[in-house]
Amino acid sequence: MPSYPYVLLSAAVSLDGYLDDTTPERLLLSSPADFDRVDKVRASVDAILIGAGTIRADNPRLLVNSAERRAARVAAGKPEYPLKVTVSASGELDPTANFWHTGGEKVVYTTEKGAERLRRAPVAADVVALGADLDWRGLLRHLREVRGVERLMVEGGGTIHTQLLQQGLADEVQLVLAPLFVGDPDAPRLFGPGGYQGGRLRLVETRQIEDVVLMRYEPTAPGAGVLPSAADRRWLAVACDLAAQCPPSETAFSVGAVVVAADGTELARGYSREGGDPVVHAEEAALAKIAAGDPRVTSATVYTSLEPCTHRASRPVPCARLILDAGVRRVVTAWREPDTFVAGADGSGLLAAEGVDVVVLPEYEGRAKAPNSHLLS
């Protein structure tokens, strides 16, 4: 499965949801103290992304302004400035814009046609063609695997924020609410129409900063099918944390599991040897807590730090079969079962053969293995 950076969406809006007005001057929505907070966030990430439309409309430099923060980045072995990233399907970019002539390295993600245009009218940046169309998953995969980006800050515009949320690729939304109204239907809004993931986002933080309010949210709704979402990563991390709570054992793995409804509601969680039962498995413990006939189960996702077992001596029904019997059609896991106790175990294969969508996120394998290190030497 592909590996993506942590994606943080950052924006400020008016009380009526606008990013800007329609005057030639940029509408300043944040307060001075919040601009400094944004500068601190910029200094903490590996890359900052804006769309070509934002370059055209605002002509930003997109820098870390604090000399102290830049010095701290260098002292930590990082470039003075984060990588600057933009996206343009057409490749129609102004080579004189501030974006290209300030800060450190830059990269443009575009289409094959856009790359051809940029060969004729180049800008001061690396150019990566994603194919006939823009592909956000391909872009994020390239940033992580080729450019080494672990944390990506996205500062707009609204179309980009909308697309990343609708595709389930945003790990966090940092939204600043400014105490003013725009009221112009032609002005740009933060989020556009279309199909978003269901459910409520989780409020992580609220903070007053002078006369604006910062709100931080995390998506909770699982992904769909075999494509991973940002919420999938958060829930799998919870399962890995549960594995660390297992009573130690020399004869069984420590595993954590969480069952999450399609709208992001947690239905149950469990871990190996929970409640003093020396042979209970994580998925078994979690599923047993859900009321029989709960209609949410058939559209739920099971997150488990180790793929569900297919053979066990302690109970007659292995966890993969329990999941199938419950009607669950999607499983997200971090780690394929080694041959430590059962040779050739393949819970993911059994589930997939029965029509279950199985997603493996190998970037969590180390966390899943940690409480089992004594069994793997």
Protein backbone atom coordinates (compact mmCIF):
# COMPACT_ATOMS: atom_id res chain seq x y z
CA MET A 1 0.00 0.00 0.00
CA PRO A 2 1.22 3.55 -0.67
CA SER A 3 2.65 5.73 2.04
CA TYR A 4 1.59 9.38 2.35
CA PRO A 5 2.77 12.32 4.47
CA TYR A 6 0.69 13.76 7.29
CA VAL A 7 -1.51 16.35 5.54
CA LEU A 8 -2.50 19.47 7.47
CA LEU A 9 -4.99 21.89 5.88
CA SER A 10 -4.61 25.48 7.06
CA ALA A 11 -7.02 28.32 6.29
CA ALA A 12 -8.66 31.44 7.68
CA VAL A 13 -12.25 32.35 6.82
CA SER A 14 -14.81 35.04 7.53
CA LEU A 15 -17.87 34.29 9.65
CA ASP A 16 -19.79 33.60 6.45
CA GLY A 17 -17.17 31.16 5.15
CA TYR A 18 -15.17 33.21 2.65
CA LEU A 19 -11.40 33.04 2.08
CA ASP A 20 -11.17 36.50 0.53
CA ASP A 21 -13.25 39.26 -1.02
CA THR A 22 -13.22 40.39 -4.66
CA THR A 23 -11.14 43.55 -4.27
CA PRO A 24 -7.61 43.69 -5.76
CA GLU A 25 -6.03 43.73 -2.30
CA ARG A 26 -5.78 40.53 -0.28
CA LEU A 27 -8.26 40.45 2.62
CA LEU A 28 -6.31 39.95 5.86
CA LEU A 29 -8.41 37.60 7.98
CA SER A 30 -5.88 36.52 10.61
CA SER A 31 -4.58 38.62 13.48
CA PRO A 32 -0.86 39.45 13.92
CA ALA A 33 -0.53 36.80 16.63
CA ASP A 34 -2.16 34.22 14.37
CA PHE A 35 0.18 35.07 11.49
CA ASP A 36 3.01 34.27 13.92
CA ARG A 37 1.32 30.96 14.80
CA VAL A 38 1.13 30.09 11.10
CA ASP A 39 4.82 30.92 10.79
CA LYS A 40 5.53 28.49 13.63
CA VAL A 41 3.52 25.76 11.90
CA ARG A 42 5.37 26.40 8.64
CA ALA A 43 8.67 26.00 10.46
CA SER A 44 7.53 22.61 11.81
CA VAL A 45 6.69 20.96 8.47
CA ASP A 46 8.75 19.50 5.64
CA ALA A 47 6.77 21.06 2.78
CA ILE A 48 4.12 23.72 2.14
CA LEU A 49 1.67 23.40 -0.76
CA ILE A 50 -0.49 26.00 -2.50
CA GLY A 51 -2.37 25.89 -5.77
CA ALA A 52 -1.45 27.79 -8.90
CA GLY A 53 -4.55 29.93 -8.43
CA THR A 54 -3.26 31.15 -5.08
CA ILE A 55 0.07 32.10 -6.69
CA ARG A 56 -1.81 34.10 -9.33
CA ALA A 57 -4.20 35.77 -6.88
CA ASP A 58 -1.91 36.53 -3.93
CA ASN A 59 1.67 36.27 -5.28
CA PRO A 60 2.88 34.92 -1.91
CA ARG A 61 6.49 34.30 -0.92
CA LEU A 62 5.45 31.40 1.36
CA LEU A 63 8.38 31.66 3.77
CA VAL A 64 9.26 31.01 7.38
CA ASN A 65 9.67 34.62 8.45
CA SER A 66 11.26 34.10 11.86
CA ALA A 67 15.07 34.01 11.69
CA GLU A 68 15.12 32.09 14.99
CA ARG A 69 12.83 29.39 13.59
CA ARG A 70 14.88 29.09 10.44
CA ALA A 71 18.03 28.76 12.53
CA ALA A 72 16.38 26.04 14.62
CA ARG A 73 15.55 24.13 11.44
CA VAL A 74 19.15 24.29 10.29
CA ALA A 75 20.40 23.22 13.74
CA ALA A 76 18.09 20.19 13.50
CA GLY A 77 19.65 19.20 10.18
CA LYS A 78 16.76 20.46 8.02
CA PRO A 79 16.81 22.94 5.14
CA GLU A 80 16.36 26.55 6.21
CA TYR A 81 12.97 26.63 4.48
CA PRO A 82 10.44 23.86 3.87
CA LEU A 83 10.06 22.54 0.33
CA LYS A 84 7.60 24.75 -1.57
CA VAL A 85 5.06 22.82 -3.65
CA THR A 86 2.45 23.91 -6.15
CA VAL A 87 -0.04 22.10 -8.36
CA SER A 88 -1.06 23.14 -11.86
CA ALA A 89 -2.82 20.93 -14.39
CA SER A 90 -2.19 23.38 -17.22
CA GLY A 91 1.38 24.35 -16.36
CA GLU A 92 0.41 28.01 -16.93
CA LEU A 93 2.62 29.65 -14.31
CA ASP A 94 4.16 33.11 -14.09
CA PRO A 95 7.95 32.66 -13.94
CA THR A 96 8.31 36.10 -12.28
CA ALA A 97 6.08 35.26 -9.26
CA ASN A 98 7.57 35.60 -5.78
CA PHE A 99 7.01 31.89 -5.16
CA TRP A 100 9.94 30.90 -7.42
CA HIS A 101 12.44 33.49 -6.23
CA THR A 102 12.29 33.22 -2.44
CA GLY A 103 12.96 30.43 0.03
CA GLY A 104 14.52 27.08 -0.76
CA GLU A 105 13.65 24.21 -3.11
CA LYS A 106 10.45 24.20 -5.17
CA VAL A 107 8.54 21.54 -7.06
CA VAL A 108 5.58 21.72 -9.45
CA TYR A 109 3.21 18.77 -9.85
CA THR A 110 1.38 18.82 -13.15
CA THR A 111 0.00 16.73 -15.99
CA GLU A 112 1.88 15.49 -19.06
CA LYS A 113 0.50 18.44 -21.04
CA GLY A 114 1.42 20.83 -18.25
CA ALA A 115 4.97 19.46 -18.16
CA GLU A 116 5.29 20.01 -21.92
CA ARG A 117 4.21 23.64 -21.47
CA LEU A 118 6.72 24.11 -18.65
CA ARG A 119 9.50 22.78 -20.87
CA ARG A 120 8.69 25.62 -23.30
CA ALA A 121 8.18 28.25 -20.55
CA PRO A 122 10.13 27.01 -17.52
CA VAL A 123 9.95 28.16 -13.92
CA ALA A 124 12.64 27.86 -11.24
CA ALA A 125 11.42 24.51 -9.88
CA ASP A 126 11.56 20.78 -10.37
CA VAL A 127 8.65 19.56 -12.51
CA VAL A 128 6.89 16.24 -11.85
CA ALA A 129 4.27 15.00 -14.34
CA LEU A 130 1.60 12.83 -12.68
CA GLY A 131 0.04 11.54 -15.90
CA ALA A 132 -2.85 12.63 -18.07
CA ASP A 133 -4.67 14.01 -15.02
CA LEU A 134 -3.70 15.32 -11.62
CA ASP A 135 -3.53 12.48 -9.10
CA TRP A 136 -3.50 13.52 -5.46
CA ARG A 137 -2.53 10.09 -4.20
CA GLY A 138 0.33 9.94 -6.68
CA LEU A 139 1.43 13.42 -5.62
CA LEU A 140 1.41 12.55 -1.92
CA ARG A 141 3.18 9.24 -2.54
CA HIS A 142 5.91 11.04 -4.52
CA LEU A 143 6.35 13.65 -1.79
CA ARG A 144 6.78 10.97 0.88
CA GLU A 145 8.78 8.36 -0.98
CA VAL A 146 10.92 10.53 -3.27
CA ARG A 147 11.18 13.89 -1.49
CA GLY A 148 11.11 12.51 2.07
CA VAL A 149 8.21 14.71 3.20
CA GLU A 150 6.71 13.50 6.48
CA ARG A 151 4.50 16.53 7.22
CA LEU A 152 2.80 18.61 4.54
CA MET A 153 1.05 21.92 5.23
CA VAL A 154 -1.58 22.91 2.63
CA GLU A 155 -2.45 26.61 2.53
CA GLY A 156 -5.00 26.61 -0.28
CA GLY A 157 -6.86 27.50 -2.17
CA GLY A 158 -10.36 26.32 -1.58
CA THR A 159 -10.43 23.88 -4.51
CA ILE A 160 -7.39 22.04 -3.19
CA HIS A 161 -8.75 21.90 0.35
CA THR A 162 -12.03 20.55 -1.00
CA GLN A 163 -10.40 17.86 -3.12
CA LEU A 164 -8.14 16.61 -0.33
CA LEU A 165 -11.04 16.38 2.12
CA GLN A 166 -13.36 14.72 -0.37
CA GLN A 167 -10.73 12.09 -1.13
CA GLY A 168 -10.12 11.42 2.57
CA LEU A 169 -6.49 12.56 2.39
CA ALA A 170 -6.46 15.33 5.03
CA ASP A 171 -5.23 14.29 8.47
CA GLU A 172 -6.04 17.59 10.13
CA VAL A 173 -7.89 20.86 9.46
CA GLN A 174 -6.65 24.03 11.15
CA LEU A 175 -9.38 26.61 10.64
CA VAL A 176 -9.23 30.21 11.87
CA LEU A 177 -12.53 32.08 12.13
CA ALA A 178 -12.28 35.85 11.68
CA PRO A 179 -14.92 38.25 13.13
CA LEU A 180 -16.10 39.81 9.89
CA PHE A 181 -18.43 39.17 6.97
CA VAL A 182 -17.73 39.27 3.24
CA GLY A 183 -21.20 38.72 1.82
CA ASP A 184 -20.11 38.71 -1.82
CA PRO A 185 -21.37 35.59 -3.68
CA ASP A 186 -18.52 35.98 -6.19
CA ALA A 187 -15.83 35.81 -3.51
CA PRO A 188 -13.94 32.51 -3.00
CA ARG A 189 -15.19 30.12 -0.36
CA LEU A 190 -13.12 27.61 1.58
CA PHE A 191 -15.04 24.44 0.72
CA GLY A 192 -16.97 23.69 -2.44
CA PRO A 193 -19.88 21.34 -3.16
CA GLY A 194 -19.49 17.62 -3.73
CA GLY A 195 -19.32 14.32 -1.92
CA TYR A 196 -17.47 14.41 1.39
CA GLN A 197 -16.86 11.53 3.77
CA GLY A 198 -19.70 11.10 6.23
CA GLY A 199 -19.71 11.61 9.95
CA ARG A 200 -18.51 14.33 12.27
CA LEU A 201 -14.94 15.48 12.51
CA ARG A 202 -13.31 15.28 15.94
CA LEU A 203 -12.57 18.64 17.59
CA VAL A 204 -8.97 18.51 18.82
CA GLU A 205 -8.46 22.08 20.00
CA THR A 206 -10.07 25.51 20.21
CA ARG A 207 -8.01 28.58 21.04
CA GLN A 208 -8.68 32.32 21.05
CA ILE A 209 -5.85 34.27 19.40
CA GLU A 210 -6.54 37.98 19.81
CA ASP A 211 -9.86 38.49 17.98
CA VAL A 212 -9.84 35.25 15.95
CA VAL A 213 -10.53 31.66 17.00
CA LEU A 214 -8.43 28.66 15.96
CA MET A 215 -10.24 25.33 15.62
CA ARG A 216 -8.40 22.09 14.91
CA TYR A 217 -10.29 19.05 13.60
CA GLU A 218 -9.43 15.46 12.65
CA PRO A 219 -11.54 13.35 10.27
CA THR A 220 -12.94 10.18 11.85
CA ALA A 221 -14.83 8.37 9.06
CA PRO A 222 -12.99 5.31 7.69
CA GLY A 223 -12.02 5.11 4.06
CA ALA A 224 -13.83 3.03 1.47
CA GLY A 225 -12.59 -0.02 -0.39
CA VAL A 226 -8.86 -0.67 -0.58
CA LEU A 227 -7.82 2.99 -0.72
CA PRO A 228 -6.50 4.20 2.64
CA SER A 229 -7.75 7.44 4.17
CA ALA A 230 -6.25 9.76 6.74
CA ALA A 231 -8.75 8.52 9.32
CA ASP A 232 -7.62 4.94 8.65
CA ARG A 233 -4.16 5.92 9.83
CA ARG A 234 -5.47 7.51 13.01
CA TRP A 235 -7.60 4.50 13.94
CA LEU A 236 -4.80 2.04 13.18
CA ALA A 237 -2.55 4.05 15.48
CA VAL A 238 -5.17 3.56 18.21
CA ALA A 239 -5.08 -0.20 17.60
CA CYS A 240 -1.28 -0.17 17.90
CA ASP A 241 -1.53 1.73 21.18
CA LEU A 242 -3.96 -0.90 22.46
CA ALA A 243 -1.47 -3.64 21.59
CA ALA A 244 0.97 -2.01 23.99
CA GLN A 245 -1.56 -2.53 26.82
CA CYS A 246 -1.62 -6.33 26.46
CA PRO A 247 -0.38 -8.42 29.39
CA PRO A 248 2.94 -9.91 28.26
CA SER A 249 3.06 -13.42 26.87
CA GLU A 250 5.70 -15.82 25.62
CA THR A 251 3.21 -17.88 23.63
CA ALA A 252 0.95 -15.34 21.88
CA PHE A 253 1.15 -12.00 20.11
CA SER A 254 0.05 -8.73 21.63
CA VAL A 255 -2.56 -7.20 19.35
CA GLY A 256 -5.00 -4.28 19.53
CA ALA A 257 -8.24 -3.84 17.59
CA VAL A 258 -10.89 -1.16 17.07
CA VAL A 259 -14.22 -1.46 15.25
CA VAL A 260 -15.38 1.83 13.68
CA ALA A 261 -18.71 2.55 11.98
CA ALA A 262 -18.82 4.18 8.55
CA ASP A 263 -19.65 7.56 10.09
CA GLY A 264 -16.56 7.47 12.34
CA THR A 265 -18.31 6.29 15.51
CA GLU A 266 -16.20 3.88 17.54
CA LEU A 267 -18.26 0.75 18.17
CA ALA A 268 -15.80 -1.22 20.31
CA ARG A 269 -12.15 -1.86 21.04
CA GLY A 270 -10.20 -4.75 22.50
CA TYR A 271 -6.74 -6.21 22.99
CA SER A 272 -5.14 -9.59 23.50
CA ARG A 273 -5.66 -11.21 26.93
CA GLU A 274 -8.02 -8.41 27.92
CA GLY A 275 -9.95 -8.74 31.18
CA GLY A 276 -7.79 -11.53 32.52
CA ASP A 277 -8.75 -13.97 29.76
CA PRO A 278 -5.38 -15.54 28.83
CA VAL A 279 -6.47 -16.68 25.36
CA VAL A 280 -8.83 -13.98 24.09
CA HIS A 281 -7.70 -12.26 20.87
CA ALA A 282 -8.05 -8.54 20.17
CA GLU A 283 -10.63 -8.76 17.36
CA GLU A 284 -12.59 -11.35 19.34
CA ALA A 285 -12.65 -9.10 22.42
CA ALA A 286 -13.79 -6.07 20.42
CA LEU A 287 -16.52 -7.83 18.41
CA ALA A 288 -17.93 -9.45 21.55
CA LYS A 289 -18.74 -5.98 22.94
CA ILE A 290 -21.03 -5.05 20.04
CA ALA A 291 -24.71 -5.86 20.47
CA ALA A 292 -26.00 -8.65 18.26
CA GLY A 293 -27.76 -7.30 15.20
CA ASP A 294 -26.19 -3.84 15.36
CA PRO A 295 -26.82 -2.66 11.76
CA ARG A 296 -23.66 -0.54 11.73
CA VAL A 297 -21.35 -3.56 11.79
CA THR A 298 -21.77 -4.59 8.17
CA SER A 299 -20.47 -1.20 6.96
CA ALA A 300 -17.84 -0.88 9.69
CA THR A 301 -14.07 -1.21 9.45
CA VAL A 302 -12.00 -3.39 11.78
CA TYR A 303 -8.57 -1.96 12.59
CA THR A 304 -6.12 -4.49 13.96
CA SER A 305 -2.40 -4.12 14.59
CA LEU A 306 -1.74 -7.68 13.33
CA GLU A 307 -3.72 -9.32 10.55
CA PRO A 308 -6.56 -11.52 11.89
CA CYS A 309 -5.62 -15.11 12.61
CA THR A 310 -6.75 -18.04 10.48
CA HIS A 311 -5.78 -20.86 12.87
CA ARG A 312 -5.79 -21.05 16.66
CA ALA A 313 -5.61 -23.81 19.25
CA SER A 314 -7.24 -21.91 22.11
CA ARG A 315 -10.70 -21.36 20.57
CA PRO A 316 -12.66 -23.10 17.79
CA VAL A 317 -13.18 -19.99 15.62
CA PRO A 318 -10.24 -17.86 14.40
CA CYS A 319 -10.57 -14.09 14.22
CA ALA A 320 -10.76 -13.92 10.43
CA ARG A 321 -13.85 -16.15 10.57
CA LEU A 322 -15.35 -14.08 13.42
CA ILE A 323 -14.99 -10.98 11.25
CA LEU A 324 -16.66 -12.71 8.30
CA ASP A 325 -19.47 -14.06 10.48
CA ALA A 326 -20.10 -10.54 11.84
CA GLY A 327 -20.58 -9.29 8.27
CA VAL A 328 -17.65 -6.86 8.33
CA ARG A 329 -16.45 -6.07 4.80
CA ARG A 330 -13.33 -3.96 5.45
CA VAL A 331 -10.18 -4.56 7.53
CA VAL A 332 -7.15 -2.31 8.01
CA THR A 333 -3.99 -3.80 9.47
CA ALA A 334 -0.34 -2.92 10.00
CA TRP A 335 1.46 -6.22 9.87
CA ARG A 336 1.20 -9.65 8.26
CA GLU A 337 1.42 -12.55 10.73
CA PRO A 338 4.89 -14.15 10.79
CA ASP A 339 5.48 -17.91 11.09
CA THR A 340 6.28 -17.67 14.80
CA PHE A 341 3.32 -19.77 15.93
CA VAL A 342 1.48 -20.73 12.72
CA ALA A 343 3.30 -21.43 9.46
CA GLY A 344 1.79 -19.84 6.38
CA ALA A 345 -0.88 -17.87 8.19
CA ASP A 346 -2.64 -15.54 5.77
CA GLY A 347 -5.60 -13.84 7.41
CA SER A 348 -5.54 -11.05 4.84
CA GLY A 349 -5.70 -13.57 2.00
CA LEU A 350 -8.60 -15.45 3.54
CA LEU A 351 -10.57 -12.25 4.09
CA ALA A 352 -9.85 -10.96 0.58
CA ALA A 353 -10.94 -14.29 -0.92
CA GLU A 354 -14.30 -13.85 0.83
CA GLY A 355 -14.76 -10.35 -0.64
CA VAL A 356 -13.46 -8.29 2.27
CA ASP A 357 -11.45 -5.18 1.41
CA VAL A 358 -8.09 -5.50 3.18
CA VAL A 359 -5.80 -2.49 3.57
CA VAL A 360 -2.24 -2.92 4.88
CA LEU A 361 -0.44 0.21 6.13
CA PRO A 362 3.18 -0.91 6.51
CA GLU A 363 4.30 2.41 7.99
CA TYR A 364 2.69 1.21 11.25
CA GLU A 365 4.45 -2.15 11.23
CA GLY A 366 7.15 -0.99 13.64
CA ARG A 367 4.58 0.19 16.19
CA ALA A 368 2.67 -3.08 15.87
CA LYS A 369 5.82 -5.15 16.32
CA ALA A 370 7.14 -3.20 19.32
CA PRO A 371 5.19 -5.05 22.06
CA ASN A 372 6.09 -8.34 20.34
CA SER A 373 9.83 -7.80 19.95
CA HIS A 374 10.66 -10.58 22.43
CA LEU A 375 8.88 -13.07 20.14
CA LEU A 376 10.64 -12.02 16.96
CA SER A 377 14.32 -12.37 17.85
